[in-house]
């Protein structure tokens, strides 16, 4: 399964509560914080919900 490196690039101020909780579930609390996750369907769905606040790349 692929791994993804997820980095928060924008502030969560002004986002909905659901988007804020999704960022927390991804382990992102501050701007420029980076976490690595497995490419499960659940994680890919979370990435899709907050893709305007993060940048992500696939790691080989």
Protein backbone atom coordinates (compact mmCIF):
# COMPACT_ATOMS: atom_id res chain seq x y z
CA UNK A 1 0.00 0.00 0.00
CA UNK A 2 1.26 3.47 -0.83
CA UNK A 3 2.28 5.96 1.82
CA UNK A 4 1.43 9.65 1.71
CA UNK A 5 3.23 12.63 3.22
CA UNK A 6 0.63 15.19 4.29
CA UNK A 7 1.56 18.79 5.20
CA UNK A 8 -0.80 21.46 6.48
CA UNK A 9 -0.24 24.57 4.35
CA UNK A 10 -3.15 26.82 5.30
CA UNK A 11 -4.77 27.85 8.56
CA UNK A 12 -7.83 26.05 9.85
CA UNK A 13 -9.34 29.35 11.05
CA UNK A 14 -12.59 29.86 9.19
CA UNK A 15 -12.98 26.17 8.38
CA UNK A 16 -15.96 24.12 9.45
CA UNK A 17 -15.80 22.09 12.65
CA UNK A 18 -15.78 18.89 10.58
CA UNK A 19 -12.69 20.04 8.66
CA UNK A 20 -10.92 21.00 11.88
CA UNK A 21 -11.60 17.56 13.33
CA UNK A 22 -10.38 15.92 10.13
CA UNK A 23 -7.07 17.80 10.38
CA UNK A 24 -6.72 16.62 13.97
CA UNK A 25 -7.47 13.05 12.92
CA UNK A 26 -4.65 13.32 10.38
CA UNK A 27 -2.36 14.49 13.20
CA UNK A 28 -1.98 18.05 11.90
CA UNK A 29 -2.15 20.82 14.50
CA UNK A 30 0.06 23.61 13.12
CA UNK A 31 0.90 25.06 9.72
CA UNK A 32 3.87 23.33 8.05
CA UNK A 33 3.48 20.24 10.24
CA UNK A 34 4.01 17.02 8.29
CA UNK A 35 2.78 13.47 8.94
CA UNK A 36 3.02 10.24 6.98
CA UNK A 37 0.03 7.92 6.54
CA UNK A 38 -0.77 4.67 4.77
CA UNK A 39 -2.96 5.05 1.70
CA UNK A 40 -6.08 3.42 3.12
CA UNK A 41 -9.50 4.43 1.78
CA UNK A 42 -10.26 6.16 5.09
CA UNK A 43 -7.12 8.31 4.97
CA UNK A 44 -7.63 9.14 1.28
CA UNK A 45 -11.18 10.28 2.10
CA UNK A 46 -9.88 12.54 4.87
CA UNK A 47 -7.25 13.99 2.54
CA UNK A 48 -9.95 14.69 -0.04
CA UNK A 49 -12.11 16.55 2.52
CA UNK A 50 -9.36 19.01 3.46
CA UNK A 51 -7.32 19.12 0.25
CA UNK A 52 -7.65 22.91 0.13
CA UNK A 53 -5.81 23.20 3.48
CA UNK A 54 -3.03 20.67 2.88
CA UNK A 55 -0.50 19.51 0.36
CA UNK A 56 0.23 15.82 -0.06
CA UNK A 57 2.55 13.62 -2.03
CA UNK A 58 2.94 9.91 -2.51
CA UNK A 59 6.08 8.39 -1.01
CA UNK A 60 7.70 5.43 -2.69
